[in-house]
PDB file of N, CA and C in Angstrom:
ATOM      1  N   MET A   1      11.283 -58.744 -70.525  1.00  0.00           N
ATOM      2  CA  MET A   1      12.228 -57.904 -71.294  1.00  0.00           C
ATOM      3  C   MET A   1      13.487 -57.707 -70.696  1.00  0.00           C
ATOM      4  N   LYS A   2      14.518 -57.637 -71.558  1.00  0.00           N
ATOM      5  CA  LYS A   2      15.810 -57.524 -70.882  1.00  0.00           C
ATOM      6  C   LYS A   2      16.543 -56.304 -71.560  1.00  0.00           C
ATOM      7  N   LEU A   3      17.405 -55.784 -70.699  1.00  0.00           N
ATOM      8  CA  LEU A   3      18.327 -54.580 -71.346  1.00  0.00           C
ATOM      9  C   LEU A   3      19.619 -54.899 -70.858  1.00  0.00           C
ATOM     10  N   PHE A   4      20.673 -55.080 -71.830  1.00  0.00           N
ATOM     11  CA  PHE A   4      21.847 -55.467 -71.439  1.00  0.00           C
ATOM     12  C   PHE A   4      22.148 -56.710 -70.713  1.00  0.00           C
ATOM     13  N   GLY A   5      21.159 -57.700 -70.828  1.00  0.00           N
ATOM     14  CA  GLY A   5      21.078 -58.815 -70.029  1.00  0.00           C
ATOM     15  C   GLY A   5      20.468 -58.713 -68.686  1.00  0.00           C
ATOM     16  N   ILE A   6      19.991 -57.528 -68.296  1.00  0.00           N
ATOM     17  CA  ILE A   6      19.389 -57.317 -67.057  1.00  0.00           C
ATOM     18  C   ILE A   6      17.742 -57.516 -67.170  1.00  0.00           C
ATOM     19  N   PRO A   7      17.212 -58.400 -66.448  1.00  0.00           N
ATOM     20  CA  PRO A   7      15.744 -58.640 -66.544  1.00  0.00           C
ATOM     21  C   PRO A   7      14.896 -57.471 -65.944  1.00  0.00           C
ATOM     22  N   LEU A   8      14.234 -56.925 -66.757  1.00  0.00           N
ATOM     23  CA  LEU A   8      13.530 -55.721 -66.254  1.00  0.00           C
ATOM     24  C   LEU A   8      12.159 -56.217 -65.586  1.00  0.00           C
ATOM     25  N   ARG A   9      11.790 -55.489 -64.608  1.00  0.00           N
ATOM     26  CA  ARG A   9      10.463 -55.831 -64.046  1.00  0.00           C
ATOM     27  C   ARG A   9       9.438 -54.753 -64.419  1.00  0.00           C
ATOM     28  N   THR A  10       8.185 -55.175 -64.171  1.00  0.00           N
ATOM     29  CA  THR A  10       7.132 -54.146 -64.488  1.00  0.00           C
ATOM     30  C   THR A  10       6.547 -53.594 -63.177  1.00  0.00           C
ATOM     31  N   PRO A  11       6.934 -52.404 -62.801  1.00  0.00           N
ATOM     32  CA  PRO A  11       6.432 -51.842 -61.514  1.00  0.00           C
ATOM     33  C   PRO A  11       4.974 -51.473 -61.662  1.00  0.00           C
ATOM     34  N   ASN A  12       4.203 -51.504 -60.592  1.00  0.00           N
ATOM     35  CA  ASN A  12       2.875 -51.021 -60.608  1.00  0.00           C
ATOM     36  C   ASN A  12       2.650 -49.593 -60.385  1.00  0.00           C
ATOM     37  N   THR A  13       1.589 -49.030 -60.547  1.00  0.00           N
ATOM     38  CA  THR A  13       1.407 -47.635 -60.365  1.00  0.00           C
ATOM     39  C   THR A  13       1.885 -47.082 -59.064  1.00  0.00           C
ATOM     40  N   GLY A  14       1.556 -47.784 -58.059  1.00  0.00           N
ATOM     41  CA  GLY A  14       1.903 -47.337 -56.725  1.00  0.00           C
ATOM     42  C   GLY A  14       3.435 -47.102 -56.563  1.00  0.00           C
ATOM     43  N   GLU A  15       4.051 -48.207 -57.189  1.00  0.00           N
ATOM     44  CA  GLU A  15       5.591 -48.165 -57.010  1.00  0.00           C
ATOM     45  C   GLU A  15       6.225 -46.985 -57.829  1.00  0.00           C
ATOM     46  N   LEU A  16       5.628 -46.713 -59.051  1.00  0.00           N
ATOM     47  CA  LEU A  16       6.048 -45.566 -59.761  1.00  0.00           C
ATOM     48  C   LEU A  16       5.804 -44.197 -59.166  1.00  0.00           C
ATOM     49  N   THR A  17       4.571 -44.057 -58.479  1.00  0.00           N
ATOM     50  CA  THR A  17       4.240 -42.985 -57.813  1.00  0.00           C
ATOM     51  C   THR A  17       5.152 -42.568 -56.671  1.00  0.00           C
ATOM     52  N   ALA A  18       5.433 -43.774 -55.881  1.00  0.00           N
ATOM     53  CA  ALA A  18       6.455 -43.640 -54.867  1.00  0.00           C
ATOM     54  C   ALA A  18       7.753 -43.365 -55.235  1.00  0.00           C
ATOM     55  N   ALA A  19       8.310 -43.833 -56.281  1.00  0.00           N
ATOM     56  CA  ALA A  19       9.526 -43.368 -56.900  1.00  0.00           C
ATOM     57  C   ALA A  19       9.504 -41.939 -57.359  1.00  0.00           C
ATOM     58  N   ALA A  20       8.408 -41.425 -57.924  1.00  0.00           N
ATOM     59  CA  ALA A  20       8.416 -40.137 -58.417  1.00  0.00           C
ATOM     60  C   ALA A  20       8.343 -39.098 -57.215  1.00  0.00           C
ATOM     61  N   VAL A  21       7.651 -39.406 -56.163  1.00  0.00           N
ATOM     62  CA  VAL A  21       7.608 -38.715 -54.870  1.00  0.00           C
ATOM     63  C   VAL A  21       8.992 -38.640 -54.189  1.00  0.00           C
ATOM     64  N   MET A  22       9.598 -39.718 -54.130  1.00  0.00           N
ATOM     65  CA  MET A  22      10.778 -39.845 -53.554  1.00  0.00           C
ATOM     66  C   MET A  22      12.036 -38.953 -54.403  1.00  0.00           C
ATOM     67  N   GLY A  23      11.797 -39.152 -55.748  1.00  0.00           N
ATOM     68  CA  GLY A  23      12.814 -38.461 -56.543  1.00  0.00           C
ATOM     69  C   GLY A  23      12.568 -36.843 -56.385  1.00  0.00           C
ATOM     70  N   THR A  24      11.307 -36.546 -56.244  1.00  0.00           N
ATOM     71  CA  THR A  24      11.066 -35.226 -56.164  1.00  0.00           C
ATOM     72  C   THR A  24      11.551 -34.421 -54.828  1.00  0.00           C
ATOM     73  N   GLY A  25      11.352 -35.386 -53.803  1.00  0.00           N
ATOM     74  CA  GLY A  25      11.853 -34.949 -52.463  1.00  0.00           C
ATOM     75  C   GLY A  25      13.282 -34.868 -52.435  1.00  0.00           C
ATOM     76  N   LEU A  26      14.036 -35.860 -53.071  1.00  0.00           N
ATOM     77  CA  LEU A  26      15.495 -35.727 -53.154  1.00  0.00           C
ATOM     78  C   LEU A  26      15.989 -34.606 -53.798  1.00  0.00           C
ATOM     79  N   TRP A  27      15.335 -34.229 -54.961  1.00  0.00           N
ATOM     80  CA  TRP A  27      15.519 -33.050 -55.763  1.00  0.00           C
ATOM     81  C   TRP A  27      15.407 -31.737 -54.951  1.00  0.00           C
ATOM     82  N   VAL A  28      14.296 -31.646 -54.319  1.00  0.00           N
ATOM     83  CA  VAL A  28      13.989 -30.383 -53.458  1.00  0.00           C
ATOM     84  C   VAL A  28      15.182 -30.285 -52.333  1.00  0.00           C
ATOM     85  N   ALA A  29      15.500 -31.443 -51.684  1.00  0.00           N
ATOM     86  CA  ALA A  29      16.692 -31.386 -50.626  1.00  0.00           C
ATOM     87  C   ALA A  29      17.859 -30.928 -51.350  1.00  0.00           C
ATOM     88  N   ALA A  30      18.229 -31.479 -52.465  1.00  0.00           N
ATOM     89  CA  ALA A  30      19.486 -31.085 -53.186  1.00  0.00           C
ATOM     90  C   ALA A  30      19.581 -29.656 -53.627  1.00  0.00           C
ATOM     91  N   VAL A  31      18.447 -29.218 -54.188  1.00  0.00           N
ATOM     92  CA  VAL A  31      18.415 -27.738 -54.477  1.00  0.00           C
ATOM     93  C   VAL A  31      18.435 -26.961 -53.248  1.00  0.00           C
ATOM     94  N   GLY A  32      17.733 -27.336 -52.226  1.00  0.00           N
ATOM     95  CA  GLY A  32      17.819 -26.555 -50.929  1.00  0.00           C
ATOM     96  C   GLY A  32      19.280 -26.550 -50.350  1.00  0.00           C
ATOM     97  N   MET A  33      20.006 -27.679 -50.478  1.00  0.00           N
ATOM     98  CA  MET A  33      21.322 -27.564 -49.905  1.00  0.00           C
ATOM     99  C   MET A  33      22.239 -26.752 -50.731  1.00  0.00           C
ATOM    100  N   LEU A  34      22.075 -26.771 -52.086  1.00  0.00           N
ATOM    101  CA  LEU A  34      22.787 -25.815 -52.989  1.00  0.00           C
ATOM    102  C   LEU A  34      22.650 -24.481 -52.708  1.00  0.00           C
ATOM    103  N   ARG A  35      21.293 -24.055 -52.395  1.00  0.00           N
ATOM    104  CA  ARG A  35      21.007 -22.555 -52.314  1.00  0.00           C
ATOM    105  C   ARG A  35      21.511 -22.416 -50.813  1.00  0.00           C
ATOM    106  N   ALA A  36      21.490 -23.295 -49.882  1.00  0.00           N
ATOM    107  CA  ALA A  36      22.045 -22.890 -48.515  1.00  0.00           C
ATOM    108  C   ALA A  36      23.510 -22.798 -48.565  1.00  0.00           C
ATOM    109  N   ALA A  37      24.114 -23.521 -49.342  1.00  0.00           N
ATOM    110  CA  ALA A  37      25.597 -23.360 -49.516  1.00  0.00           C
ATOM    111  C   ALA A  37      26.093 -22.124 -50.384  1.00  0.00           C
ATOM    112  N   GLU A  38      24.947 -21.475 -51.007  1.00  0.00           N
ATOM    113  CA  GLU A  38      25.087 -20.372 -51.763  1.00  0.00           C
ATOM    114  C   GLU A  38      25.855 -20.726 -53.056  1.00  0.00           C
ATOM    115  N   ILE A  39      25.459 -21.836 -53.730  1.00  0.00           N
ATOM    116  CA  ILE A  39      25.846 -22.330 -54.861  1.00  0.00           C
ATOM    117  C   ILE A  39      24.862 -21.985 -55.879  1.00  0.00           C
ATOM    118  N   GLU A  40      25.168 -21.299 -56.969  1.00  0.00           N
ATOM    119  CA  GLU A  40      24.252 -20.719 -57.875  1.00  0.00           C
ATOM    120  C   GLU A  40      23.778 -22.027 -58.839  1.00  0.00           C
ATOM    121  N   ILE A  41      22.536 -22.196 -58.867  1.00  0.00           N
ATOM    122  CA  ILE A  41      22.001 -23.309 -59.906  1.00  0.00           C
ATOM    123  C   ILE A  41      20.818 -22.577 -60.722  1.00  0.00           C
ATOM    124  N   GLY A  42      21.009 -22.694 -61.992  1.00  0.00           N
ATOM    125  CA  GLY A  42      20.054 -21.982 -62.914  1.00  0.00           C
ATOM    126  C   GLY A  42      18.956 -23.095 -63.266  1.00  0.00           C
ATOM    127  N   PRO A  43      17.953 -22.573 -63.978  1.00  0.00           N
ATOM    128  CA  PRO A  43      16.829 -23.428 -64.359  1.00  0.00           C
ATOM    129  C   PRO A  43      17.234 -24.632 -65.167  1.00  0.00           C
ATOM    130  N   PHE A  44      18.117 -24.414 -65.988  1.00  0.00           N
ATOM    131  CA  PHE A  44      18.638 -25.492 -66.870  1.00  0.00           C
ATOM    132  C   PHE A  44      19.148 -26.755 -66.097  1.00  0.00           C
ATOM    133  N   ASP A  45      20.117 -26.318 -65.165  1.00  0.00           N
ATOM    134  CA  ASP A  45      20.886 -27.238 -64.323  1.00  0.00           C
ATOM    135  C   ASP A  45      19.684 -27.948 -63.338  1.00  0.00           C
ATOM    136  N   ALA A  46      18.928 -27.076 -62.704  1.00  0.00           N
ATOM    137  CA  ALA A  46      17.952 -27.606 -61.927  1.00  0.00           C
ATOM    138  C   ALA A  46      17.134 -28.637 -62.580  1.00  0.00           C
ATOM    139  N   GLY A  47      16.667 -28.402 -63.725  1.00  0.00           N
ATOM    140  CA  GLY A  47      15.915 -29.473 -64.516  1.00  0.00           C
ATOM    141  C   GLY A  47      16.602 -30.749 -64.949  1.00  0.00           C
ATOM    142  N   ALA A  48      17.866 -30.446 -65.245  1.00  0.00           N
ATOM    143  CA  ALA A  48      18.715 -31.699 -65.541  1.00  0.00           C
ATOM    144  C   ALA A  48      18.957 -32.437 -64.255  1.00  0.00           C
ATOM    145  N   LEU A  49      19.098 -31.792 -63.252  1.00  0.00           N
ATOM    146  CA  LEU A  49      19.336 -32.479 -61.906  1.00  0.00           C
ATOM    147  C   LEU A  49      17.957 -33.365 -61.546  1.00  0.00           C
ATOM    148  N   LEU A  50      16.856 -32.767 -61.718  1.00  0.00           N
ATOM    149  CA  LEU A  50      15.600 -33.417 -61.514  1.00  0.00           C
ATOM    150  C   LEU A  50      15.367 -34.569 -62.347  1.00  0.00           C
ATOM    151  N   LEU A  51      15.697 -34.355 -63.699  1.00  0.00           N
ATOM    152  CA  LEU A  51      15.564 -35.592 -64.564  1.00  0.00           C
ATOM    153  C   LEU A  51      16.383 -36.867 -64.235  1.00  0.00           C
ATOM    154  N   VAL A  52      17.762 -36.516 -63.747  1.00  0.00           N
ATOM    155  CA  VAL A  52      18.677 -37.611 -63.423  1.00  0.00           C
ATOM    156  C   VAL A  52      18.160 -38.317 -62.139  1.00  0.00           C
ATOM    157  N   VAL A  53      17.823 -37.468 -61.136  1.00  0.00           N
ATOM    158  CA  VAL A  53      17.293 -37.987 -59.949  1.00  0.00           C
ATOM    159  C   VAL A  53      16.110 -38.887 -60.001  1.00  0.00           C
ATOM    160  N   LEU A  54      15.155 -38.371 -60.884  1.00  0.00           N
ATOM    161  CA  LEU A  54      13.876 -39.163 -61.036  1.00  0.00           C
ATOM    162  C   LEU A  54      14.321 -40.372 -61.776  1.00  0.00           C
ATOM    163  N   TRP A  55      15.094 -40.417 -62.740  1.00  0.00           N
ATOM    164  CA  TRP A  55      15.562 -41.642 -63.403  1.00  0.00           C
ATOM    165  C   TRP A  55      16.118 -42.522 -62.465  1.00  0.00           C
ATOM    166  N   GLY A  56      16.985 -42.121 -61.639  1.00  0.00           N
ATOM    167  CA  GLY A  56      17.614 -42.934 -60.558  1.00  0.00           C
ATOM    168  C   GLY A  56      16.651 -43.714 -59.713  1.00  0.00           C
ATOM    169  N   CYS A  57      15.513 -43.011 -59.280  1.00  0.00           N
ATOM    170  CA  CYS A  57      14.555 -43.502 -58.406  1.00  0.00           C
ATOM    171  C   CYS A  57      13.707 -44.658 -59.224  1.00  0.00           C
ATOM    172  N   VAL A  58      13.320 -44.235 -60.474  1.00  0.00           N
ATOM    173  CA  VAL A  58      12.317 -45.024 -61.383  1.00  0.00           C
ATOM    174  C   VAL A  58      13.239 -46.236 -61.760  1.00  0.00           C
ATOM    175  N   SER A  59      14.577 -46.171 -62.141  1.00  0.00           N
ATOM    176  CA  SER A  59      15.266 -47.349 -62.736  1.00  0.00           C
ATOM    177  C   SER A  59      15.379 -48.181 -61.533  1.00  0.00           C
ATOM    178  N   ALA A  60      15.548 -48.000 -60.212  1.00  0.00           N
ATOM    179  CA  ALA A  60      15.623 -48.916 -59.177  1.00  0.00           C
ATOM    180  C   ALA A  60      14.365 -49.740 -59.154  1.00  0.00           C
ATOM    181  N   ARG A  61      13.197 -49.096 -59.428  1.00  0.00           N
ATOM    182  CA  ARG A  61      11.869 -49.864 -59.361  1.00  0.00           C
ATOM    183  C   ARG A  61      11.787 -50.921 -60.693  1.00  0.00           C
ATOM    184  N   LEU A  62      12.638 -50.481 -61.921  1.00  0.00           N
ATOM    185  CA  LEU A  62      12.540 -51.308 -63.055  1.00  0.00           C
ATOM    186  C   LEU A  62      13.530 -52.515 -62.873  1.00  0.00           C
ATOM    187  N   GLY A  63      14.230 -52.467 -61.772  1.00  0.00           N
ATOM    188  CA  GLY A  63      15.212 -53.500 -61.505  1.00  0.00           C
ATOM    189  C   GLY A  63      16.706 -53.165 -61.896  1.00  0.00           C
ATOM    190  N   ILE A  64      16.971 -51.887 -62.395  1.00  0.00           N
ATOM    191  CA  ILE A  64      18.351 -51.483 -62.682  1.00  0.00           C
ATOM    192  C   ILE A  64      18.984 -50.822 -61.391  1.00  0.00           C
ATOM    193  N   ARG A  65      19.773 -51.618 -60.809  1.00  0.00           N
ATOM    194  CA  ARG A  65      20.446 -51.164 -59.665  1.00  0.00           C
ATOM    195  C   ARG A  65      21.990 -51.055 -59.682  1.00  0.00           C
ATOM    196  N   ILE A  66      22.479 -49.823 -59.496  1.00  0.00           N
ATOM    197  CA  ILE A  66      23.844 -49.620 -59.849  1.00  0.00           C
ATOM    198  C   ILE A  66      24.862 -50.434 -58.912  1.00  0.00           C
ATOM    199  N   GLY A  67      24.398 -50.955 -57.784  1.00  0.00           N
ATOM    200  CA  GLY A  67      25.102 -51.747 -56.924  1.00  0.00           C
ATOM    201  C   GLY A  67      25.249 -53.199 -57.343  1.00  0.00           C
ATOM    202  N   HIS A  68      24.620 -53.613 -58.463  1.00  0.00           N
ATOM    203  CA  HIS A  68      24.486 -55.019 -58.841  1.00  0.00           C
ATOM    204  C   HIS A  68      25.398 -55.247 -59.884  1.00  0.00           C
ATOM    205  N   GLY A  69      26.465 -54.548 -60.143  1.00  0.00           N
ATOM    206  CA  GLY A  69      27.429 -54.955 -61.057  1.00  0.00           C
ATOM    207  C   GLY A  69      27.569 -53.930 -62.280  1.00  0.00           C
ATOM    208  N   ASN A  70      28.509 -54.319 -63.195  1.00  0.00           N
ATOM    209  CA  ASN A  70      28.683 -53.326 -64.279  1.00  0.00           C
ATOM    210  C   ASN A  70      27.643 -53.148 -65.268  1.00  0.00           C
ATOM    211  N   ARG A  71      26.939 -54.067 -65.528  1.00  0.00           N
ATOM    212  CA  ARG A  71      25.810 -54.021 -66.584  1.00  0.00           C
ATOM    213  C   ARG A  71      24.806 -53.024 -66.098  1.00  0.00           C
ATOM    214  N   HIS A  72      24.398 -53.107 -64.773  1.00  0.00           N
ATOM    215  CA  HIS A  72      23.627 -52.225 -64.196  1.00  0.00           C
ATOM    216  C   HIS A  72      24.083 -50.861 -64.284  1.00  0.00           C
ATOM    217  N   LEU A  73      25.332 -50.595 -63.860  1.00  0.00           N
ATOM    218  CA  LEU A  73      25.845 -49.286 -63.951  1.00  0.00           C
ATOM    219  C   LEU A  73      25.837 -48.804 -65.410  1.00  0.00           C
ATOM    220  N   LEU A  74      26.309 -49.640 -66.450  1.00  0.00           N
ATOM    221  CA  LEU A  74      26.244 -49.182 -67.764  1.00  0.00           C
ATOM    222  C   LEU A  74      25.003 -48.773 -68.233  1.00  0.00           C
ATOM    223  N   ALA A  75      23.832 -49.556 -67.909  1.00  0.00           N
ATOM    224  CA  ALA A  75      22.518 -49.271 -68.284  1.00  0.00           C
ATOM    225  C   ALA A  75      22.104 -48.049 -67.687  1.00  0.00           C
ATOM    226  N   ASN A  76      22.314 -47.727 -66.522  1.00  0.00           N
ATOM    227  CA  ASN A  76      21.976 -46.503 -65.801  1.00  0.00           C
ATOM    228  C   ASN A  76      22.603 -45.330 -66.348  1.00  0.00           C
ATOM    229  N   LEU A  77      23.851 -45.460 -66.762  1.00  0.00           N
ATOM    230  CA  LEU A  77      24.786 -44.262 -67.252  1.00  0.00           C
ATOM    231  C   LEU A  77      24.289 -43.989 -68.642  1.00  0.00           C
ATOM    232  N   LEU A  78      23.941 -45.034 -69.581  1.00  0.00           N
ATOM    233  CA  LEU A  78      23.506 -44.821 -70.792  1.00  0.00           C
ATOM    234  C   LEU A  78      22.031 -44.121 -70.849  1.00  0.00           C
ATOM    235  N   ALA A  79      21.334 -44.623 -69.976  1.00  0.00           N
ATOM    236  CA  ALA A  79      19.888 -44.093 -70.007  1.00  0.00           C
ATOM    237  C   ALA A  79      20.078 -42.644 -69.491  1.00  0.00           C
ATOM    238  N   SER A  80      20.766 -42.316 -68.396  1.00  0.00           N
ATOM    239  CA  SER A  80      20.959 -40.931 -68.098  1.00  0.00           C
ATOM    240  C   SER A  80      21.494 -40.018 -69.141  1.00  0.00           C
ATOM    241  N   ALA A  81      22.518 -40.566 -69.812  1.00  0.00           N
ATOM    242  CA  ALA A  81      23.146 -39.683 -70.881  1.00  0.00           C
ATOM    243  C   ALA A  81      22.073 -39.500 -72.033  1.00  0.00           C
ATOM    244  N   GLY A  82      21.379 -40.336 -72.334  1.00  0.00           N
ATOM    245  CA  GLY A  82      20.323 -40.265 -73.357  1.00  0.00           C
ATOM    246  C   GLY A  82      19.160 -39.315 -73.024  1.00  0.00           C
ATOM    247  N   LEU A  83      18.801 -39.419 -71.575  1.00  0.00           N
ATOM    248  CA  LEU A  83      17.747 -38.554 -71.228  1.00  0.00           C
ATOM    249  C   LEU A  83      18.233 -37.070 -71.080  1.00  0.00           C
ATOM    250  N   LEU A  84      19.602 -36.938 -70.671  1.00  0.00           N
ATOM    251  CA  LEU A  84      20.087 -35.607 -70.681  1.00  0.00           C
ATOM    252  C   LEU A  84      20.427 -35.003 -72.111  1.00  0.00           C
ATOM    253  N   THR A  85      20.652 -35.770 -73.128  1.00  0.00           N
ATOM    254  CA  THR A  85      20.803 -35.512 -74.372  1.00  0.00           C
ATOM    255  C   THR A  85      19.392 -35.044 -75.031  1.00  0.00           C
ATOM    256  N   LEU A  86      18.430 -35.703 -74.876  1.00  0.00           N
ATOM    257  CA  LEU A  86      16.988 -35.201 -75.154  1.00  0.00           C
ATOM    258  C   LEU A  86      16.537 -33.994 -74.440  1.00  0.00           C
ATOM    259  N   TYR A  87      16.892 -33.954 -73.188  1.00  0.00           N
ATOM    260  CA  TYR A  87      16.473 -32.662 -72.577  1.00  0.00           C
ATOM    261  C   TYR A  87      17.279 -31.446 -73.001  1.00  0.00           C
ATOM    262  N   HIS A  88      18.557 -31.638 -73.371  1.00  0.00           N
ATOM    263  CA  HIS A  88      19.341 -30.639 -73.862  1.00  0.00           C
ATOM    264  C   HIS A  88      18.869 -30.143 -75.277  1.00  0.00           C
ATOM    265  N   ALA A  89      18.442 -31.096 -76.053  1.00  0.00           N
ATOM    266  CA  ALA A  89      17.973 -30.816 -77.418  1.00  0.00           C
ATOM    267  C   ALA A  89      16.536 -30.039 -77.322  1.00  0.00           C
ATOM    268  N   ALA A  90      15.748 -30.591 -76.368  1.00  0.00           N
ATOM    269  CA  ALA A  90      14.412 -29.879 -76.150  1.00  0.00           C
ATOM    270  C   ALA A  90      14.571 -28.464 -75.749  1.00  0.00           C
ATOM    271  N   TRP A  91      15.495 -28.245 -74.902  1.00  0.00           N
ATOM    272  CA  TRP A  91      15.814 -26.900 -74.220  1.00  0.00           C
ATOM    273  C   TRP A  91      16.343 -25.995 -75.336  1.00  0.00           C
ATOM    274  N   ALA A  92      17.202 -26.473 -76.286  1.00  0.00           N
ATOM    275  CA  ALA A  92      17.637 -25.848 -77.373  1.00  0.00           C
ATOM    276  C   ALA A  92      16.562 -25.434 -78.332  1.00  0.00           C
ATOM    277  N   LEU A  93      15.706 -26.270 -78.604  1.00  0.00           N
ATOM    278  CA  LEU A  93      14.656 -26.003 -79.526  1.00  0.00           C
ATOM    279  C   LEU A  93      13.563 -25.066 -78.991  1.00  0.00           C
ATOM    280  N   ALA A  94      13.314 -25.152 -77.685  1.00  0.00           N
ATOM    281  CA  ALA A  94      12.330 -24.262 -77.022  1.00  0.00           C
ATOM    282  C   ALA A  94      12.744 -22.861 -76.776  1.00  0.00           C
ATOM    283  N   GLY A  95      14.065 -22.576 -76.707  1.00  0.00           N
ATOM    284  CA  GLY A  95      14.378 -21.240 -76.524  1.00  0.00           C
ATOM    285  C   GLY A  95      15.774 -21.027 -76.844  1.00  0.00           C
TER     286      GLY A  95
END
């Protein structure tokens, strides 16, 4: 399968689990640094940050790497924007 001419690979369950654990750890570190710097982060922003960080980790396992050219960067930006749009819509519908 290809996305914008980028051949996608199929990661196994172990790779996806490792990406999810790494993304969650990076999110915890980022939120911790924001709190240590006394920068206010609300639940909506924290959730959006988690979504984008997790997508970044999983997309690398799918073969979308932003350092490999403009197509990879475009695919990553469009996917992040789409996920954030869906997240914002779900947040608006929920409350």
